[in-house]
């Protein structure tokens, strides 16, 4: 499986759509019974004008499902995995 990893990359709303365009270009799609790749992204709480909700909504719009795999409220860090959405649900 292909794995893309990103951390601490969300500083402005203008990079959210280009982020997903890049993931769509680089991440292996599922085919012929083979799993597609996974995109792992760590999001840190910052004083920036963009929310994780925007990132997640844009992921869904671009055909991805996501899962929160690690949450550290004290440190303000969340780790998500994203895969191509085959079933139509988040």
Protein backbone atom coordinates (compact mmCIF):
# COMPACT_ATOMS: atom_id res chain seq x y z
CA UNK A 1 0.00 0.00 0.00
CA UNK A 2 1.02 3.56 -0.63
CA UNK A 3 1.21 5.85 2.39
CA UNK A 4 1.36 9.64 2.29
CA UNK A 5 2.21 11.41 5.55
CA UNK A 6 1.73 15.07 6.37
CA UNK A 7 2.03 17.00 9.60
CA UNK A 8 1.61 20.61 10.63
CA UNK A 9 0.64 21.78 7.13
CA UNK A 10 -2.68 23.59 7.64
CA UNK A 11 -2.02 27.31 8.11
CA UNK A 12 -4.47 28.92 5.71
CA UNK A 13 -7.75 28.02 4.03
CA UNK A 14 -6.19 28.63 0.60
CA UNK A 15 -4.03 25.50 0.88
CA UNK A 16 -6.86 23.09 1.69
CA UNK A 17 -8.08 22.50 -1.87
CA UNK A 18 -4.52 22.22 -3.30
CA UNK A 19 -3.74 19.72 -0.53
CA UNK A 20 -6.55 17.42 -1.72
CA UNK A 21 -5.59 17.93 -5.37
CA UNK A 22 -2.10 16.71 -4.45
CA UNK A 23 -3.42 13.72 -2.50
CA UNK A 24 -5.70 12.79 -5.41
CA UNK A 25 -2.71 12.92 -7.76
CA UNK A 26 -0.29 10.93 -5.59
CA UNK A 27 -2.35 8.41 -3.63
CA UNK A 28 -2.93 4.98 -5.15
CA UNK A 29 -6.57 4.28 -5.94
CA UNK A 30 -8.16 0.94 -5.10
CA UNK A 31 -8.42 -1.38 -8.10
CA UNK A 32 -9.14 -5.02 -8.91
CA UNK A 33 -9.67 -6.01 -5.29
CA UNK A 34 -6.50 -4.27 -4.10
CA UNK A 35 -6.66 -1.67 -1.38
CA UNK A 36 -5.82 1.89 -2.24
CA UNK A 37 -3.30 4.00 -0.40
CA UNK A 38 -3.76 5.84 2.86
CA UNK A 39 -3.07 9.47 3.68
CA UNK A 40 -2.08 10.10 7.30
CA UNK A 41 -2.32 13.67 8.51
CA UNK A 42 -1.58 15.17 11.91
CA UNK A 43 -3.44 18.39 12.66
CA UNK A 44 -2.29 20.69 15.45
CA UNK A 45 -4.48 23.31 17.06
CA UNK A 46 -3.07 26.70 16.09
CA UNK A 47 -4.25 30.28 16.00
CA UNK A 48 -4.89 30.20 12.26
CA UNK A 49 -8.00 31.09 10.26
CA UNK A 50 -8.76 27.52 9.17
CA UNK A 51 -10.50 24.71 11.01
CA UNK A 52 -10.15 20.95 10.88
CA UNK A 53 -13.83 20.88 9.90
CA UNK A 54 -12.98 22.64 6.63
CA UNK A 55 -10.22 20.11 5.96
CA UNK A 56 -12.55 17.16 6.66
CA UNK A 57 -15.43 18.58 4.60
CA UNK A 58 -13.07 19.17 1.68
CA UNK A 59 -11.78 15.60 2.00
CA UNK A 60 -15.33 14.26 1.70
CA UNK A 61 -16.05 16.55 -1.26
CA UNK A 62 -12.95 15.13 -2.98
CA UNK A 63 -14.08 11.53 -2.45
CA UNK A 64 -12.30 10.52 0.75
CA UNK A 65 -13.48 8.90 3.96
CA UNK A 66 -11.63 9.67 7.16
CA UNK A 67 -11.04 8.23 10.59
CA UNK A 68 -9.70 9.94 13.71
CA UNK A 69 -7.00 7.53 14.89
CA UNK A 70 -5.32 9.52 17.67
CA UNK A 71 -6.52 12.43 19.75
CA UNK A 72 -4.55 14.44 22.29
CA UNK A 73 -6.77 17.24 23.56
CA UNK A 74 -4.17 18.38 26.07
CA UNK A 75 -1.53 18.95 23.37
CA UNK A 76 -4.10 19.90 20.73
CA UNK A 77 -3.04 17.28 18.20
CA UNK A 78 -5.29 15.01 16.16
CA UNK A 79 -4.21 12.34 13.70
CA UNK A 80 -6.51 11.28 10.87
CA UNK A 81 -6.30 8.66 8.17
CA UNK A 82 -7.94 9.24 4.80
CA UNK A 83 -8.81 6.64 2.16
CA UNK A 84 -10.73 6.78 -1.07
CA UNK A 85 -14.39 6.47 -0.19
CA UNK A 86 -15.78 3.35 -1.81
CA UNK A 87 -18.97 3.12 0.22
CA UNK A 88 -20.28 6.67 0.08
CA UNK A 89 -20.07 7.25 3.84
CA UNK A 90 -17.59 9.13 5.99
